[in-house]
N, C-alpha and C. Protein backbone atom coordinates (compact mmCIF):
# COMPACT_ATOMS: atom_id res chain seq x y z
N UNK A 1 23.14 8.78 3.52
CA UNK A 1 22.21 7.71 3.95
C UNK A 1 22.43 6.74 3.22
N UNK A 2 21.73 5.79 4.15
CA UNK A 2 22.07 4.36 4.09
C UNK A 2 21.22 4.09 2.48
N UNK A 3 22.26 3.34 2.17
CA UNK A 3 22.35 2.25 1.10
C UNK A 3 20.80 1.31 0.73
N UNK A 4 20.09 1.46 -0.07
CA UNK A 4 18.67 0.41 0.37
C UNK A 4 19.33 -0.85 -1.28
N UNK A 5 18.77 -2.01 -1.22
CA UNK A 5 19.66 -3.12 -2.05
C UNK A 5 18.37 -3.04 -3.35
N UNK A 6 19.29 -2.60 -4.58
CA UNK A 6 18.59 -2.37 -5.80
C UNK A 6 16.92 -3.42 -5.91
N UNK A 7 16.13 -2.85 -6.76
CA UNK A 7 15.47 -4.09 -7.55
C UNK A 7 15.04 -3.97 -8.72
N UNK A 8 13.32 -4.61 -9.10
CA UNK A 8 13.24 -4.82 -10.94
C UNK A 8 12.05 -4.81 -10.32
N UNK A 9 11.30 -4.85 -11.74
CA UNK A 9 10.10 -5.21 -11.84
C UNK A 9 9.37 -6.69 -11.26
N UNK A 10 10.05 -7.85 -11.18
CA UNK A 10 10.09 -8.68 -10.23
C UNK A 10 9.29 -8.68 -8.54
N UNK A 11 9.74 -7.53 -8.14
CA UNK A 11 9.66 -7.25 -6.48
C UNK A 11 8.64 -6.69 -6.69
N UNK A 12 7.55 -6.47 -7.76
CA UNK A 12 6.29 -5.82 -7.03
C UNK A 12 4.95 -7.33 -7.20
N UNK A 13 6.11 -8.34 -7.34
CA UNK A 13 4.97 -9.57 -7.06
C UNK A 13 5.89 -10.37 -6.00
N UNK A 14 7.44 -10.53 -5.67
CA UNK A 14 7.91 -11.23 -5.25
C UNK A 14 7.88 -10.30 -3.44
N UNK A 15 8.17 -9.28 -3.70
CA UNK A 15 8.27 -8.82 -2.23
C UNK A 15 7.41 -9.01 -0.72
N UNK A 16 8.56 -9.28 0.08
CA UNK A 16 7.62 -9.65 1.36
C UNK A 16 6.09 -8.48 1.55
N UNK A 17 6.26 -7.80 1.73
CA UNK A 17 5.36 -7.15 2.05
C UNK A 17 4.64 -5.67 0.68
N UNK A 18 3.35 -6.12 0.28
CA UNK A 18 3.08 -5.55 -1.03
C UNK A 18 1.41 -4.87 -0.73
N UNK A 19 1.63 -3.68 -1.70
CA UNK A 19 0.25 -2.91 -0.92
C UNK A 19 -0.20 -2.29 -2.47
N UNK A 20 -1.44 -2.91 -2.89
CA UNK A 20 -1.78 -1.57 -4.34
C UNK A 20 -3.34 -1.31 -4.06
N UNK A 21 -3.83 0.14 -4.43
CA UNK A 21 -4.61 0.85 -4.46
C UNK A 21 -4.87 0.97 -5.95
N UNK A 22 -6.62 0.28 -5.98
CA UNK A 22 -7.35 0.54 -7.39
C UNK A 22 -8.05 2.08 -7.09
N UNK A 23 -7.84 3.12 -8.40
CA UNK A 23 -8.45 3.67 -7.91
C UNK A 23 -8.94 4.38 -9.48
N UNK A 24 -10.08 4.02 -9.40
CA UNK A 24 -11.16 4.53 -10.54
C UNK A 24 -11.12 6.16 -9.99
N UNK A 25 -10.70 6.77 -10.93
CA UNK A 25 -11.15 8.28 -10.84
C UNK A 25 -11.13 9.14 -12.32
N UNK A 26 -12.30 10.13 -11.77
CA UNK A 26 -13.15 10.69 -13.02
C UNK A 26 -12.58 11.63 -13.77
N UNK A 27 -11.00 10.98 -14.89
CA UNK A 27 -10.00 12.25 -14.87
C UNK A 27 -9.17 11.59 -16.45
N UNK A 28 -9.44 12.15 -17.14
CA UNK A 28 -8.35 11.45 -17.79
C UNK A 28 -7.17 10.74 -16.98
N UNK A 29 -6.70 9.77 -18.16
CA UNK A 29 -5.36 9.21 -17.81
C UNK A 29 -4.00 10.67 -18.06
N UNK A 30 -4.23 11.35 -18.53
CA UNK A 30 -3.32 12.33 -19.18
C UNK A 30 -2.96 13.33 -17.79
N UNK A 31 -4.24 13.87 -17.33
CA UNK A 31 -4.58 14.29 -15.87
C UNK A 31 -3.89 14.19 -15.35
N UNK A 32 -4.12 12.07 -14.07
CA UNK A 32 -2.77 12.00 -13.09
C UNK A 32 -1.96 11.97 -14.23
N UNK A 33 -0.96 11.68 -15.13
CA UNK A 33 -0.18 11.18 -15.38
C UNK A 33 0.75 13.10 -15.28
N UNK A 34 0.11 14.17 -15.60
CA UNK A 34 0.61 15.60 -15.67
C UNK A 34 0.85 15.70 -13.82
N UNK A 35 0.07 14.95 -12.91
CA UNK A 35 0.70 15.00 -12.15
C UNK A 35 1.80 14.57 -11.27
N UNK A 36 1.38 13.35 -11.60
CA UNK A 36 2.83 12.26 -11.24
C UNK A 36 4.03 12.90 -11.91
N UNK A 37 4.09 13.75 -13.12
CA UNK A 37 5.34 14.10 -13.76
C UNK A 37 5.59 15.65 -13.76
N UNK A 38 4.70 16.43 -12.43
CA UNK A 38 4.78 17.49 -12.26
C UNK A 38 6.51 17.35 -11.11
N UNK A 39 6.51 19.05 -11.46
CA UNK A 39 7.70 19.07 -10.68
C UNK A 39 7.92 18.88 -9.37
N UNK A 40 6.54 19.07 -8.70
CA UNK A 40 6.20 18.70 -7.92
C UNK A 40 5.60 17.11 -7.18
N UNK A 41 5.83 16.33 -8.02
CA UNK A 41 4.32 15.47 -7.96
C UNK A 41 4.02 14.90 -6.80
N UNK A 42 2.79 14.51 -6.86
CA UNK A 42 1.82 14.16 -5.32
C UNK A 42 1.56 15.30 -4.69
N UNK A 43 1.34 16.22 -5.21
CA UNK A 43 0.88 17.81 -4.19
C UNK A 43 0.32 17.33 -3.17
N UNK A 44 -0.63 16.56 -3.55
CA UNK A 44 -2.11 16.65 -3.01
C UNK A 44 -1.81 15.43 -2.08
N UNK A 45 -1.06 15.47 -1.54
CA UNK A 45 -0.62 13.58 -0.45
C UNK A 45 -0.24 14.46 0.63
N UNK A 46 -1.11 14.48 1.89
CA UNK A 46 -0.54 15.49 2.68
C UNK A 46 0.97 14.97 3.48
N UNK A 47 0.78 13.78 3.61
CA UNK A 47 1.93 12.85 4.21
C UNK A 47 3.56 12.60 3.09
N UNK A 48 3.39 13.49 2.68
CA UNK A 48 4.38 13.50 1.63
C UNK A 48 4.79 14.77 0.43
N UNK A 49 6.15 14.82 -0.06
CA UNK A 49 6.80 15.61 -0.37
C UNK A 49 7.85 15.40 -1.22
N UNK A 50 7.60 15.43 -2.68
CA UNK A 50 7.90 14.77 -3.73
C UNK A 50 8.75 16.04 -4.47
N UNK A 51 10.42 16.18 -4.94
CA UNK A 51 10.25 16.83 -6.46
C UNK A 51 11.61 16.01 -7.39
N UNK A 52 11.51 15.74 -8.45
CA UNK A 52 11.84 15.57 -9.36
C UNK A 52 13.33 16.31 -9.67
N UNK A 53 14.66 15.67 -8.69
CA UNK A 53 16.20 15.81 -8.59
C UNK A 53 16.29 15.93 -10.09
N UNK A 54 16.17 15.11 -11.49
CA UNK A 54 16.62 15.16 -12.07
C UNK A 54 15.91 16.46 -13.39
N UNK A 55 16.88 17.13 -14.57
CA UNK A 55 16.54 17.21 -15.43
C UNK A 55 15.17 16.90 -16.29
N UNK A 56 14.05 17.58 -16.90
CA UNK A 56 13.31 17.29 -18.32
C UNK A 56 14.26 17.27 -19.32
N UNK A 57 13.82 15.78 -19.84
CA UNK A 57 12.24 15.42 -20.25
C UNK A 57 12.71 13.79 -18.96
N UNK A 58 12.06 13.79 -17.97
CA UNK A 58 12.20 12.39 -17.54
C UNK A 58 11.64 10.88 -18.31
N UNK A 59 12.31 9.89 -17.75
CA UNK A 59 12.59 8.76 -18.14
C UNK A 59 13.12 7.52 -16.94
N UNK A 60 13.37 6.68 -17.71
CA UNK A 60 14.04 5.73 -17.33
C UNK A 60 15.74 6.67 -16.52
N UNK A 61 15.41 6.03 -15.22
CA UNK A 61 17.11 7.23 -14.79
C UNK A 61 16.48 8.13 -13.69
N UNK A 62 15.58 8.62 -14.14
CA UNK A 62 14.85 9.76 -13.36
C UNK A 62 15.40 9.91 -11.82
N UNK A 63 16.09 11.32 -11.31
CA UNK A 63 15.96 10.34 -9.71
C UNK A 63 14.87 11.63 -8.89
N UNK A 64 14.54 11.09 -8.12
CA UNK A 64 13.24 11.56 -6.98
C UNK A 64 14.00 12.17 -5.62
N UNK A 65 14.04 12.94 -5.06
CA UNK A 65 13.83 13.11 -3.36
C UNK A 65 12.39 13.26 -2.96
N UNK A 66 12.26 12.07 -1.75
CA UNK A 66 10.70 11.88 -1.23
C UNK A 66 11.01 12.53 0.16
N UNK A 67 10.35 12.95 0.80
CA UNK A 67 10.08 12.73 2.19
C UNK A 67 8.41 12.25 2.93
N UNK A 68 8.41 11.52 3.40
CA UNK A 68 7.24 11.04 4.22
C UNK A 68 6.82 11.72 5.24
N UNK A 69 6.10 12.48 5.82
CA UNK A 69 5.71 13.17 7.26
C UNK A 69 7.48 14.00 7.65
N UNK A 70 8.57 14.59 6.45
CA UNK A 70 9.22 15.26 6.65
C UNK A 70 9.71 14.38 7.77
N UNK A 71 10.27 13.29 7.96
CA UNK A 71 11.43 12.84 8.51
C UNK A 71 11.83 11.68 8.33
N UNK A 72 11.29 10.27 7.16
CA UNK A 72 11.77 9.65 6.42
C UNK A 72 12.13 10.33 5.32
N UNK A 73 13.51 10.32 4.83
CA UNK A 73 13.51 11.00 3.28
C UNK A 73 14.36 9.26 2.80
N UNK A 74 13.61 10.15 1.09
CA UNK A 74 14.24 8.91 0.08
C UNK A 74 14.83 9.75 -0.79
N UNK A 75 16.20 8.88 -1.07
CA UNK A 75 16.68 9.24 -2.96
C UNK A 75 15.74 8.13 -3.21
N UNK A 76 15.09 8.41 -4.60
CA UNK A 76 14.60 7.39 -5.54
C UNK A 76 14.84 7.84 -7.21
N UNK A 77 14.62 6.21 -7.52
CA UNK A 77 15.53 6.56 -9.11
C UNK A 77 14.24 5.93 -10.06
N UNK A 78 13.97 5.73 -11.10
CA UNK A 78 12.89 5.28 -12.47
C UNK A 78 13.25 4.31 -12.44
N UNK A 79 13.00 2.59 -12.90
CA UNK A 79 13.47 1.90 -13.35
C UNK A 79 13.24 1.54 -14.41
N UNK A 80 11.68 1.73 -14.51
CA UNK A 80 11.06 1.50 -16.18
C UNK A 80 9.93 2.92 -15.50
N UNK A 81 9.64 3.08 -17.36
CA UNK A 81 9.15 4.86 -17.95
C UNK A 81 8.95 4.19 -19.31
N UNK A 82 7.12 3.98 -19.38
CA UNK A 82 6.40 4.41 -19.87
C UNK A 82 5.49 5.32 -20.31
N UNK A 83 6.14 6.01 -20.79
CA UNK A 83 5.71 7.68 -20.82
C UNK A 83 3.86 8.00 -21.27
N UNK A 84 3.35 7.96 -20.16
CA UNK A 84 1.91 8.79 -19.82
C UNK A 84 1.18 7.12 -19.55
N UNK A 85 1.49 6.58 -18.76
CA UNK A 85 1.53 4.68 -18.64
C UNK A 85 1.36 4.10 -17.60
N UNK A 86 2.82 4.75 -17.83
CA UNK A 86 3.94 3.49 -16.09
C UNK A 86 5.22 3.78 -16.16
N UNK A 87 5.05 4.01 -14.54
CA UNK A 87 6.31 4.18 -13.77
C UNK A 87 6.88 4.15 -12.48
N UNK A 88 8.08 3.23 -12.71
CA UNK A 88 8.06 2.23 -10.91
C UNK A 88 9.77 3.36 -10.59
N UNK A 89 9.62 3.55 -9.73
CA UNK A 89 11.09 3.05 -8.71
C UNK A 89 11.09 3.48 -7.58
N UNK A 90 12.31 2.90 -7.44
CA UNK A 90 13.14 2.15 -6.52
C UNK A 90 14.16 2.82 -5.57
N UNK A 91 13.84 3.01 -4.25
CA UNK A 91 14.93 3.88 -3.35
C UNK A 91 15.89 3.17 -3.25
N UNK A 92 17.26 4.36 -3.63
CA UNK A 92 18.32 3.97 -3.48
C UNK A 92 19.06 4.24 -1.97
N UNK A 93 18.00 4.71 -1.42
CA UNK A 93 18.59 5.32 -0.40
C UNK A 93 18.02 5.65 0.36
N UNK A 94 18.05 5.76 2.57
CA UNK A 94 17.15 6.42 2.88
C UNK A 94 17.30 6.79 4.42
N UNK A 95 17.28 7.86 5.06
CA UNK A 95 17.91 8.32 6.13
C UNK A 95 17.76 7.80 6.86
N UNK A 96 16.40 6.76 7.08
CA UNK A 96 16.39 6.04 8.52
C UNK A 96 16.51 4.71 7.73
N UNK A 97 17.26 3.94 8.60
CA UNK A 97 17.29 1.96 8.45
C UNK A 97 16.11 1.39 8.25
N UNK A 98 15.07 1.77 7.64
CA UNK A 98 13.92 0.83 7.93
C UNK A 98 13.47 -0.09 6.96
N UNK A 99 14.42 0.02 5.96
CA UNK A 99 14.13 -1.33 4.34
C UNK A 99 15.19 -1.69 4.41
N UNK A 100 14.63 -2.99 3.81
CA UNK A 100 16.34 -3.13 3.07
C UNK A 100 16.14 -3.00 1.49
N UNK A 101 14.61 -3.28 1.37
CA UNK A 101 14.80 -2.80 -0.25
C UNK A 101 13.24 -1.82 -0.18
N UNK A 102 12.84 -0.90 -1.06
CA UNK A 102 11.32 -0.25 -1.28
C UNK A 102 11.06 0.31 -3.10
N UNK A 103 10.00 -0.11 -3.03
CA UNK A 103 9.64 0.29 -4.73
C UNK A 103 8.66 0.77 -4.65
N UNK A 104 8.07 1.72 -5.40
CA UNK A 104 6.89 1.98 -6.15
C UNK A 104 5.99 2.08 -7.93
N UNK A 105 5.06 1.50 -7.93
CA UNK A 105 4.97 1.34 -9.26
C UNK A 105 3.64 2.89 -9.62
N UNK A 106 3.16 3.36 -10.16
CA UNK A 106 2.44 3.84 -11.40
C UNK A 106 2.20 3.71 -12.44
N UNK A 107 0.25 2.94 -12.61
CA UNK A 107 0.12 2.23 -13.73
C UNK A 107 -1.49 3.03 -13.65
N UNK A 108 -1.18 3.75 -15.21
CA UNK A 108 -2.64 3.89 -15.83
C UNK A 108 -3.29 3.25 -16.36
N UNK A 109 -4.71 3.51 -16.68
CA UNK A 109 -5.18 2.61 -17.73
C UNK A 109 -6.66 3.56 -17.99
N UNK A 110 -6.96 3.56 -19.27
CA UNK A 110 -8.14 4.61 -19.16
C UNK A 110 -9.58 3.27 -19.37
N UNK A 111 -10.22 4.03 -18.56
CA UNK A 111 -11.23 3.10 -18.50
C UNK A 111 -12.51 4.06 -18.70
N UNK A 112 -14.50 3.62 -18.72
CA UNK A 112 -14.89 4.28 -19.15
C UNK A 112 -15.36 6.05 -17.84
N UNK A 113 -15.87 6.35 -18.36
CA UNK A 113 -15.36 8.08 -17.26
C UNK A 113 -14.21 8.64 -17.23
N UNK A 114 -13.04 7.99 -17.52
CA UNK A 114 -11.84 8.76 -16.97
C UNK A 114 -10.52 7.59 -16.81
N UNK A 115 -10.40 7.33 -15.70
CA UNK A 115 -9.22 5.99 -15.54
C UNK A 115 -8.45 5.67 -14.61
N UNK A 116 -8.42 4.33 -14.49
CA UNK A 116 -7.79 3.66 -13.19
C UNK A 116 -6.23 3.64 -13.22
N UNK A 117 -5.73 4.28 -12.00
CA UNK A 117 -4.45 4.20 -11.24
C UNK A 117 -4.62 3.44 -10.33
N UNK A 118 -3.41 2.82 -10.75
CA UNK A 118 -3.11 1.23 -9.63
C UNK A 118 -1.43 1.54 -9.39
N UNK A 119 -1.53 2.09 -7.92
CA UNK A 119 -0.50 2.47 -7.36
C UNK A 119 -0.40 1.01 -6.16
N UNK A 120 1.17 0.84 -6.77
CA UNK A 120 1.53 -0.43 -5.86
C UNK A 120 3.11 0.42 -5.07
N UNK A 121 3.21 -0.50 -4.00
CA UNK A 121 3.66 -0.47 -3.06
C UNK A 121 4.85 -1.76 -2.86
N UNK A 122 5.78 -1.66 -2.27
CA UNK A 122 6.11 -3.07 -2.65
C UNK A 122 7.80 -2.81 -1.27
N UNK A 123 7.73 -3.70 -0.35
CA UNK A 123 8.75 -3.50 0.56
C UNK A 123 9.65 -4.66 1.56
N UNK A 124 10.42 -4.13 1.27
CA UNK A 124 11.12 -5.39 2.11
C UNK A 124 11.42 -4.29 3.54
N UNK A 125 10.92 -4.74 5.20
CA UNK A 125 11.31 -4.06 6.20
C UNK A 125 13.20 -5.33 6.89
N UNK A 126 13.44 -3.91 7.30
CA UNK A 126 14.84 -4.05 8.18
C UNK A 126 14.33 -4.76 9.65
N UNK A 127 13.90 -5.67 9.36
CA UNK A 127 13.71 -6.07 10.71
C UNK A 127 12.47 -5.79 11.76
N UNK A 128 11.81 -4.34 11.47
CA UNK A 128 11.15 -3.73 11.95
C UNK A 128 9.73 -3.86 11.79
N UNK A 129 9.01 -5.25 12.71
CA UNK A 129 7.70 -6.25 12.62
C UNK A 129 6.90 -4.57 12.31
N UNK A 130 6.65 -3.78 13.70
CA UNK A 130 5.32 -2.90 13.63
C UNK A 130 5.35 -1.58 12.84
N UNK A 131 6.70 -1.92 11.95
CA UNK A 131 6.56 -0.82 10.69
C UNK A 131 5.86 -0.80 9.42
N UNK A 132 5.40 -2.33 9.63
CA UNK A 132 4.77 -2.90 8.74
C UNK A 132 3.66 -2.18 8.01
N UNK A 133 2.76 -2.21 8.93
CA UNK A 133 1.90 -1.15 9.87
C UNK A 133 1.50 -0.47 9.53
N UNK A 134 2.53 0.30 9.85
CA UNK A 134 2.56 1.71 10.17
C UNK A 134 2.71 2.01 8.62
N UNK A 135 3.85 1.63 7.50
CA UNK A 135 4.10 1.79 6.25
C UNK A 135 2.73 1.47 5.52
N UNK A 136 2.10 0.25 5.36
CA UNK A 136 0.79 0.24 5.05
C UNK A 136 0.00 0.89 5.00
N UNK A 137 -0.07 1.42 6.51
CA UNK A 137 -1.02 2.72 6.58
C UNK A 137 -0.88 4.43 6.11
N UNK A 138 0.35 4.32 5.54
CA UNK A 138 1.02 5.56 4.76
C UNK A 138 1.05 5.24 3.55
N UNK A 139 0.24 4.01 3.00
CA UNK A 139 0.51 3.58 2.05
C UNK A 139 -1.68 4.35 1.69
N UNK A 140 -1.96 3.69 2.66
CA UNK A 140 -3.49 3.50 2.37
C UNK A 140 -3.63 5.41 1.94
N UNK A 141 -2.92 5.98 3.18
CA UNK A 141 -3.16 7.22 3.43
C UNK A 141 -3.12 7.83 1.79
N UNK A 142 -1.45 7.80 1.26
CA UNK A 142 -1.99 8.55 -0.26
C UNK A 142 -2.61 8.15 -0.88
N UNK A 143 -2.80 7.28 -1.19
CA UNK A 143 -4.43 6.57 -2.19
C UNK A 143 -5.40 7.37 -2.16
N UNK A 144 -5.92 7.66 -0.30
CA UNK A 144 -6.83 8.08 -0.29
C UNK A 144 -6.92 9.94 -0.59
N UNK A 145 -5.28 10.20 -0.42
CA UNK A 145 -5.88 11.57 -1.16
C UNK A 145 -5.47 11.52 -2.58
N UNK A 146 -5.22 10.70 -3.07
CA UNK A 146 -5.38 10.74 -4.39
C UNK A 146 -6.33 10.73 -4.64
N UNK A 147 -7.33 9.54 -4.55
CA UNK A 147 -9.15 9.74 -4.68
C UNK A 147 -9.93 10.92 -4.47
N UNK A 148 -9.32 11.42 -3.26
CA UNK A 148 -10.17 12.82 -2.79
C UNK A 148 -9.78 14.34 -3.59
N UNK A 149 -7.96 14.42 -4.42
CA UNK A 149 -8.28 15.10 -5.05
C UNK A 149 -8.62 15.16 -5.99
N UNK A 150 -8.13 13.90 -6.85
CA UNK A 150 -8.95 13.95 -8.30
C UNK A 150 -10.63 13.73 -8.41
N UNK A 151 -11.32 13.36 -7.40
CA UNK A 151 -13.06 13.16 -7.38
C UNK A 151 -13.32 14.29 -6.98
N UNK A 152 -12.30 15.69 -6.99
CA UNK A 152 -12.72 16.94 -6.75
C UNK A 152 -12.96 17.53 -5.29
N UNK A 153 -12.94 16.68 -4.61
CA UNK A 153 -13.13 16.79 -2.89
C UNK A 153 -11.95 17.58 -2.43
N UNK A 154 -11.97 18.55 -1.47
CA UNK A 154 -11.18 19.12 -0.71
C UNK A 154 -10.50 18.09 0.39
N UNK A 155 -8.53 18.29 -0.13
CA UNK A 155 -7.49 17.54 1.18
C UNK A 155 -7.66 18.53 2.30
N UNK A 156 -8.04 18.59 3.34
CA UNK A 156 -7.57 19.00 4.91
C UNK A 156 -6.82 18.33 5.31
N UNK A 157 -6.24 19.17 6.29
CA UNK A 157 -5.87 18.42 7.26
C UNK A 157 -4.81 17.36 7.55
N UNK A 158 -4.01 17.07 8.61
CA UNK A 158 -3.73 16.09 8.47
C UNK A 158 -4.06 14.74 8.74
N UNK A 159 -4.07 13.81 8.01
CA UNK A 159 -4.54 11.72 8.30
C UNK A 159 -3.55 11.19 9.52
N UNK A 160 -4.19 10.39 10.42
CA UNK A 160 -3.03 9.96 11.31
C UNK A 160 -2.37 8.61 10.59
N UNK A 161 -1.45 8.01 11.03
CA UNK A 161 -1.13 6.73 10.30
C UNK A 161 -0.98 5.32 11.19
N UNK A 162 -2.00 6.39 12.27
CA UNK A 162 -2.05 4.65 13.17
C UNK A 162 -3.22 4.13 12.83
N UNK A 163 -2.97 2.17 12.42
CA UNK A 163 -4.73 2.08 12.42
C UNK A 163 -5.65 1.21 13.52
N UNK A 164 -6.38 1.48 13.31
CA UNK A 164 -7.29 1.08 14.75
C UNK A 164 -8.36 0.62 14.00
């Protein structure tokens, strides 16, 4: 798989493309954290399949394999880990040459009645401008699935990644 360029925390503010989704959820931060660190994290996201390839306990250096729509496959590594609060992953490699760099950050903060989950995606495309909109649409779909899951509403069917 083609290698991607490494990133650090600064990439979330300097990347050419960034999308943050702030979700106020009616559940505890601990419940969301359990979903982020399950053997199959983010299982409720219809467009995404993720699994940890590292043994527990997870932390900086933990490896995940992710697939988007079963087509794009990413090998990701945690580069920031604050147990119960925050985790950041960078893509080390991908099967398709869509990105020069890609990273995501999950931040949990307690708020009255639940938690605030901020899911940030940052990327540098590898020259394909039309993929910026599609990548942003996939990120939005993942956030929408997360909101529906933790709001207690069923998530069914597939969501289109086309913007309209």
